[in-house]
């Protein structure tokens, strides 16, 4: 599993990709389609057309790293993405749920209440 810093930016690409793409191909998609600098510290999440494979590209201090997962059964359930958007931002918690097979569109987050200290 990935260990992520609390303030990391995570973008899910709307465009399905050919899973044969590696570093250079994914970097090109980040630059040309998502219009983001791939070395900005964000995680870029890509799925194949069947949504049973996921690749996550990120900058790891001194070079790019790639995380890859293939489901043996089932598919990843993507969050709703508006038609015009090329990507959707998600939180660390949402990415974790997505990787665990939880459908984000039906997941509910409850408000957290903080106690006032007198």
N, C-alpha and C. Protein backbone atom coordinates (compact mmCIF):
# COMPACT_ATOMS: atom_id res chain seq x y z
N UNK A 1 0.84 -1.18 0.00
CA UNK A 1 0.00 0.00 0.00
C UNK A 1 0.88 1.24 0.00
N UNK A 2 0.36 2.30 -0.54
CA UNK A 2 1.07 3.57 -0.61
C UNK A 2 0.98 4.30 0.72
N UNK A 3 2.07 4.94 1.11
CA UNK A 3 2.05 5.84 2.25
C UNK A 3 2.13 7.25 1.70
N UNK A 4 1.11 8.04 1.99
CA UNK A 4 0.99 9.37 1.38
C UNK A 4 1.06 10.46 2.43
N UNK A 5 1.72 11.57 2.10
CA UNK A 5 1.71 12.71 3.02
C UNK A 5 0.31 13.31 3.10
N UNK A 6 -0.01 13.97 4.20
CA UNK A 6 -1.38 14.47 4.39
C UNK A 6 -1.84 15.50 3.37
N UNK A 7 -0.95 16.26 2.79
CA UNK A 7 -1.37 17.34 1.89
C UNK A 7 -1.16 17.01 0.41
N UNK A 8 -1.01 15.74 0.07
CA UNK A 8 -0.74 15.36 -1.32
C UNK A 8 -1.97 15.62 -2.19
N UNK A 9 -1.72 16.08 -3.40
CA UNK A 9 -2.77 16.30 -4.38
C UNK A 9 -2.88 15.02 -5.23
N UNK A 10 -4.13 14.58 -5.47
CA UNK A 10 -4.36 13.35 -6.22
C UNK A 10 -5.36 13.65 -7.33
N UNK A 11 -4.99 13.33 -8.57
CA UNK A 11 -5.86 13.55 -9.72
C UNK A 11 -6.12 12.24 -10.44
N UNK A 12 -7.40 11.93 -10.66
CA UNK A 12 -7.78 10.75 -11.43
C UNK A 12 -8.06 11.20 -12.85
N UNK A 13 -7.38 10.57 -13.80
CA UNK A 13 -7.57 10.90 -15.21
C UNK A 13 -8.87 10.28 -15.71
N UNK A 14 -9.62 11.05 -16.46
CA UNK A 14 -10.88 10.57 -17.05
C UNK A 14 -10.60 9.65 -18.23
N UNK A 15 -9.51 9.87 -18.92
CA UNK A 15 -9.18 9.14 -20.13
C UNK A 15 -8.60 7.76 -19.80
N UNK A 16 -9.25 6.66 -20.26
CA UNK A 16 -8.63 5.35 -20.05
C UNK A 16 -7.34 5.26 -20.85
N UNK A 17 -6.38 4.52 -20.33
CA UNK A 17 -5.08 4.43 -21.00
C UNK A 17 -4.75 2.98 -21.36
N UNK A 18 -3.84 2.85 -22.28
CA UNK A 18 -3.26 1.56 -22.62
C UNK A 18 -2.25 1.25 -21.51
N UNK A 19 -2.41 0.15 -20.83
CA UNK A 19 -1.55 -0.18 -19.69
C UNK A 19 -0.13 -0.51 -20.09
N UNK A 20 0.17 -0.55 -21.38
CA UNK A 20 1.55 -0.73 -21.81
C UNK A 20 2.35 0.56 -21.67
N UNK A 21 1.64 1.69 -21.46
CA UNK A 21 2.34 2.96 -21.25
C UNK A 21 3.10 2.89 -19.94
N UNK A 22 4.30 3.42 -19.99
CA UNK A 22 5.11 3.47 -18.78
C UNK A 22 5.39 4.93 -18.44
N UNK A 23 6.53 5.19 -17.86
CA UNK A 23 6.82 6.53 -17.36
C UNK A 23 6.63 7.62 -18.41
N UNK A 24 7.34 7.52 -19.52
CA UNK A 24 7.31 8.60 -20.51
C UNK A 24 5.93 8.80 -21.11
N UNK A 25 5.21 7.72 -21.38
CA UNK A 25 3.86 7.84 -21.94
C UNK A 25 2.90 8.49 -20.96
N UNK A 26 2.99 8.12 -19.68
CA UNK A 26 2.10 8.71 -18.67
C UNK A 26 2.47 10.17 -18.39
N UNK A 27 3.76 10.46 -18.38
CA UNK A 27 4.20 11.85 -18.20
C UNK A 27 3.66 12.72 -19.33
N UNK A 28 3.69 12.20 -20.55
CA UNK A 28 3.17 12.96 -21.69
C UNK A 28 1.67 13.22 -21.54
N UNK A 29 0.92 12.25 -21.02
CA UNK A 29 -0.52 12.44 -20.80
C UNK A 29 -0.75 13.51 -19.74
N UNK A 30 0.02 13.46 -18.66
CA UNK A 30 -0.13 14.47 -17.59
C UNK A 30 0.11 15.86 -18.15
N UNK A 31 1.15 16.01 -18.96
CA UNK A 31 1.48 17.32 -19.52
C UNK A 31 0.46 17.78 -20.56
N UNK A 32 0.14 16.93 -21.53
CA UNK A 32 -0.65 17.36 -22.68
C UNK A 32 -2.16 17.30 -22.45
N UNK A 33 -2.62 16.35 -21.66
CA UNK A 33 -4.06 16.20 -21.46
C UNK A 33 -4.52 16.87 -20.16
N UNK A 34 -3.80 16.62 -19.07
CA UNK A 34 -4.20 17.19 -17.79
C UNK A 34 -3.64 18.59 -17.57
N UNK A 35 -2.64 18.98 -18.38
CA UNK A 35 -2.01 20.30 -18.31
C UNK A 35 -1.46 20.61 -16.93
N UNK A 36 -0.73 19.64 -16.39
CA UNK A 36 -0.13 19.77 -15.07
C UNK A 36 1.33 19.35 -15.17
N UNK A 37 2.18 19.94 -14.34
CA UNK A 37 3.58 19.54 -14.26
C UNK A 37 3.64 18.21 -13.51
N UNK A 38 4.10 17.13 -14.14
CA UNK A 38 4.10 15.83 -13.48
C UNK A 38 5.06 15.72 -12.29
N UNK A 39 5.99 16.65 -12.15
CA UNK A 39 6.94 16.62 -11.04
C UNK A 39 6.52 17.55 -9.90
N UNK A 40 5.23 17.92 -9.85
CA UNK A 40 4.77 18.86 -8.83
C UNK A 40 4.45 18.21 -7.49
N UNK A 41 4.66 16.91 -7.37
CA UNK A 41 4.40 16.22 -6.11
C UNK A 41 3.05 15.56 -6.03
N UNK A 42 2.22 15.73 -7.05
CA UNK A 42 0.89 15.12 -7.06
C UNK A 42 0.96 13.66 -7.50
N UNK A 43 -0.09 12.92 -7.20
CA UNK A 43 -0.26 11.57 -7.70
C UNK A 43 -1.23 11.62 -8.86
N UNK A 44 -0.91 10.93 -9.94
CA UNK A 44 -1.75 10.90 -11.13
C UNK A 44 -2.23 9.47 -11.32
N UNK A 45 -3.55 9.29 -11.28
CA UNK A 45 -4.15 7.97 -11.28
C UNK A 45 -4.76 7.69 -12.65
N UNK A 46 -4.43 6.52 -13.20
CA UNK A 46 -4.91 6.12 -14.52
C UNK A 46 -5.52 4.73 -14.45
N UNK A 47 -6.57 4.51 -15.25
CA UNK A 47 -7.22 3.21 -15.35
C UNK A 47 -7.23 2.76 -16.80
N UNK A 48 -7.34 1.45 -16.99
CA UNK A 48 -7.54 0.94 -18.35
C UNK A 48 -9.03 1.00 -18.68
N UNK A 49 -9.38 0.67 -19.91
CA UNK A 49 -10.76 0.78 -20.36
C UNK A 49 -11.70 -0.14 -19.57
N UNK A 50 -11.22 -1.33 -19.22
CA UNK A 50 -12.04 -2.28 -18.46
C UNK A 50 -12.13 -1.92 -16.98
N UNK A 51 -11.29 -1.00 -16.53
CA UNK A 51 -11.21 -0.55 -15.14
C UNK A 51 -10.86 -1.67 -14.17
N UNK A 52 -10.06 -2.64 -14.64
CA UNK A 52 -9.58 -3.68 -13.73
C UNK A 52 -8.08 -3.51 -13.44
N UNK A 53 -7.48 -2.46 -14.01
CA UNK A 53 -6.07 -2.16 -13.76
C UNK A 53 -5.93 -0.67 -13.45
N UNK A 54 -4.98 -0.38 -12.57
CA UNK A 54 -4.74 1.00 -12.17
C UNK A 54 -3.23 1.24 -12.14
N UNK A 55 -2.82 2.42 -12.58
CA UNK A 55 -1.43 2.86 -12.45
C UNK A 55 -1.45 4.23 -11.79
N UNK A 56 -0.52 4.42 -10.88
CA UNK A 56 -0.38 5.71 -10.20
C UNK A 56 1.05 6.19 -10.43
N UNK A 57 1.16 7.34 -11.06
CA UNK A 57 2.45 7.95 -11.36
C UNK A 57 2.69 9.09 -10.36
N UNK A 58 3.91 9.16 -9.83
CA UNK A 58 4.23 10.26 -8.92
C UNK A 58 5.74 10.50 -8.91
N UNK A 59 6.10 11.72 -8.50
CA UNK A 59 7.50 12.11 -8.37
C UNK A 59 7.95 11.72 -6.98
N UNK A 60 9.05 10.98 -6.88
CA UNK A 60 9.53 10.47 -5.60
C UNK A 60 10.92 11.02 -5.31
N UNK A 61 11.03 12.28 -4.96
CA UNK A 61 12.25 12.98 -4.55
C UNK A 61 13.33 13.08 -5.63
N UNK A 62 13.68 11.98 -6.27
CA UNK A 62 14.77 12.03 -7.24
C UNK A 62 14.41 11.38 -8.58
N UNK A 63 13.15 11.06 -8.77
CA UNK A 63 12.71 10.45 -10.02
C UNK A 63 11.26 10.04 -9.93
N UNK A 64 10.72 9.63 -11.06
CA UNK A 64 9.33 9.21 -11.10
C UNK A 64 9.20 7.77 -10.60
N UNK A 65 8.09 7.49 -9.97
CA UNK A 65 7.77 6.14 -9.50
C UNK A 65 6.40 5.76 -10.04
N UNK A 66 6.18 4.48 -10.17
CA UNK A 66 4.93 3.98 -10.74
C UNK A 66 4.42 2.85 -9.85
N UNK A 67 3.15 2.96 -9.46
CA UNK A 67 2.49 1.94 -8.66
C UNK A 67 1.44 1.31 -9.56
N UNK A 68 1.32 -0.01 -9.56
CA UNK A 68 0.47 -0.72 -10.51
C UNK A 68 -0.30 -1.82 -9.78
N UNK A 69 -1.60 -1.93 -10.07
CA UNK A 69 -2.42 -2.98 -9.47
C UNK A 69 -3.37 -3.54 -10.52
N UNK A 70 -3.52 -4.86 -10.50
CA UNK A 70 -4.47 -5.53 -11.39
C UNK A 70 -5.43 -6.33 -10.52
N UNK A 71 -6.73 -6.12 -10.73
CA UNK A 71 -7.74 -6.90 -10.02
C UNK A 71 -7.93 -8.24 -10.72
N UNK A 72 -8.05 -9.30 -9.96
CA UNK A 72 -8.32 -10.61 -10.55
C UNK A 72 -9.80 -10.77 -10.86
N UNK A 73 -10.66 -10.14 -10.06
CA UNK A 73 -12.10 -10.13 -10.33
C UNK A 73 -12.63 -8.74 -10.01
N UNK A 74 -13.68 -8.33 -10.69
CA UNK A 74 -14.32 -7.05 -10.42
C UNK A 74 -13.64 -5.90 -11.13
N UNK A 75 -14.14 -4.71 -10.86
CA UNK A 75 -13.61 -3.50 -11.47
C UNK A 75 -13.53 -2.40 -10.43
N UNK A 76 -12.68 -1.43 -10.72
CA UNK A 76 -12.62 -0.22 -9.89
C UNK A 76 -13.82 0.64 -10.24
N UNK A 77 -14.44 1.22 -9.24
CA UNK A 77 -15.59 2.11 -9.44
C UNK A 77 -15.12 3.55 -9.34
N UNK A 78 -15.12 4.22 -10.48
CA UNK A 78 -14.62 5.59 -10.52
C UNK A 78 -15.64 6.57 -9.98
N UNK A 79 -15.16 7.67 -9.40
CA UNK A 79 -16.08 8.73 -8.98
C UNK A 79 -16.66 9.42 -10.20
N UNK A 80 -17.77 10.10 -10.01
CA UNK A 80 -18.39 10.84 -11.12
C UNK A 80 -17.45 11.94 -11.58
N UNK A 81 -17.30 12.02 -12.88
CA UNK A 81 -16.47 13.06 -13.48
C UNK A 81 -17.32 13.78 -14.50
N UNK A 82 -17.38 15.10 -14.41
CA UNK A 82 -18.18 15.85 -15.38
C UNK A 82 -17.62 15.65 -16.78
N UNK A 83 -18.48 15.76 -17.77
CA UNK A 83 -18.09 15.46 -19.14
C UNK A 83 -16.94 16.32 -19.64
N UNK A 84 -16.87 17.56 -19.24
CA UNK A 84 -15.83 18.46 -19.74
C UNK A 84 -14.52 18.33 -18.98
N UNK A 85 -14.55 17.76 -17.80
CA UNK A 85 -13.34 17.65 -16.98
C UNK A 85 -12.46 16.52 -17.49
N UNK A 86 -11.15 16.76 -17.52
CA UNK A 86 -10.21 15.72 -17.93
C UNK A 86 -9.72 14.91 -16.73
N UNK A 87 -9.98 15.44 -15.52
CA UNK A 87 -9.57 14.72 -14.32
C UNK A 87 -10.48 15.14 -13.16
N UNK A 88 -10.40 14.37 -12.09
CA UNK A 88 -11.14 14.70 -10.88
C UNK A 88 -10.19 14.59 -9.70
N UNK A 89 -10.17 15.61 -8.83
CA UNK A 89 -9.33 15.50 -7.63
C UNK A 89 -10.02 14.64 -6.57
N UNK A 90 -9.22 13.85 -5.86
CA UNK A 90 -9.74 13.05 -4.75
C UNK A 90 -8.80 13.21 -3.57
N UNK A 91 -9.30 12.85 -2.40
CA UNK A 91 -8.50 12.91 -1.17
C UNK A 91 -7.74 11.59 -0.98
N UNK A 92 -6.82 11.58 -0.03
CA UNK A 92 -6.12 10.34 0.31
C UNK A 92 -7.11 9.27 0.75
N UNK A 93 -8.08 9.66 1.56
CA UNK A 93 -9.08 8.70 2.04
C UNK A 93 -9.89 8.14 0.87
N UNK A 94 -10.28 9.00 -0.06
CA UNK A 94 -11.05 8.53 -1.21
C UNK A 94 -10.23 7.58 -2.08
N UNK A 95 -8.95 7.87 -2.28
CA UNK A 95 -8.10 6.97 -3.05
C UNK A 95 -7.99 5.62 -2.34
N UNK A 96 -7.82 5.65 -1.04
CA UNK A 96 -7.77 4.40 -0.27
C UNK A 96 -9.03 3.59 -0.43
N UNK A 97 -10.19 4.25 -0.36
CA UNK A 97 -11.47 3.55 -0.52
C UNK A 97 -11.58 2.97 -1.92
N UNK A 98 -11.19 3.75 -2.92
CA UNK A 98 -11.24 3.29 -4.31
C UNK A 98 -10.39 2.03 -4.49
N UNK A 99 -9.18 2.04 -3.92
CA UNK A 99 -8.29 0.89 -4.02
C UNK A 99 -8.82 -0.33 -3.27
N UNK A 100 -9.65 -0.09 -2.25
CA UNK A 100 -10.25 -1.18 -1.48
C UNK A 100 -11.57 -1.65 -2.04
N UNK A 101 -12.02 -1.05 -3.14
CA UNK A 101 -13.25 -1.51 -3.78
C UNK A 101 -14.52 -0.82 -3.32
N UNK A 102 -14.38 0.31 -2.65
CA UNK A 102 -15.55 1.05 -2.18
C UNK A 102 -15.95 2.06 -3.24
N UNK A 103 -17.24 2.08 -3.58
CA UNK A 103 -17.73 3.01 -4.59
C UNK A 103 -17.87 4.40 -3.98
N UNK A 104 -17.11 5.35 -4.49
CA UNK A 104 -17.07 6.69 -3.91
C UNK A 104 -18.39 7.44 -4.07
N UNK A 105 -19.13 7.17 -5.13
CA UNK A 105 -20.38 7.90 -5.37
C UNK A 105 -21.41 7.62 -4.29
N UNK A 106 -21.35 6.45 -3.65
CA UNK A 106 -22.31 6.10 -2.61
C UNK A 106 -21.76 6.22 -1.20
N UNK A 107 -20.48 6.50 -1.09
CA UNK A 107 -19.87 6.63 0.24
C UNK A 107 -20.30 7.96 0.85
N UNK A 108 -20.55 7.94 2.14
CA UNK A 108 -20.95 9.15 2.84
C UNK A 108 -19.92 9.49 3.90
N UNK A 109 -19.61 10.77 3.97
CA UNK A 109 -18.69 11.23 5.01
C UNK A 109 -19.48 12.05 6.01
N UNK A 110 -19.35 11.69 7.25
CA UNK A 110 -20.06 12.40 8.30
C UNK A 110 -19.23 13.56 8.80
N UNK A 111 -19.93 14.61 9.24
CA UNK A 111 -19.24 15.77 9.78
C UNK A 111 -18.53 15.38 11.07
N UNK A 112 -17.35 15.92 11.22
CA UNK A 112 -16.58 15.69 12.45
C UNK A 112 -16.80 16.90 13.36
N UNK A 113 -17.08 16.59 14.59
CA UNK A 113 -17.28 17.65 15.55
C UNK A 113 -16.06 17.73 16.46
N UNK A 114 -15.62 18.92 16.68
CA UNK A 114 -14.49 19.10 17.60
C UNK A 114 -15.02 19.71 18.90
N UNK A 115 -14.49 19.23 19.97
CA UNK A 115 -14.89 19.75 21.29
C UNK A 115 -14.14 21.04 21.55
N UNK A 116 -14.85 22.00 22.08
CA UNK A 116 -14.23 23.25 22.47
C UNK A 116 -13.56 23.08 23.82
N UNK A 117 -12.31 23.50 23.89
CA UNK A 117 -11.59 23.41 25.14
C UNK A 117 -11.72 24.74 25.85
N UNK A 118 -12.16 24.69 27.09
CA UNK A 118 -12.39 25.93 27.83
C UNK A 118 -11.15 26.40 28.53
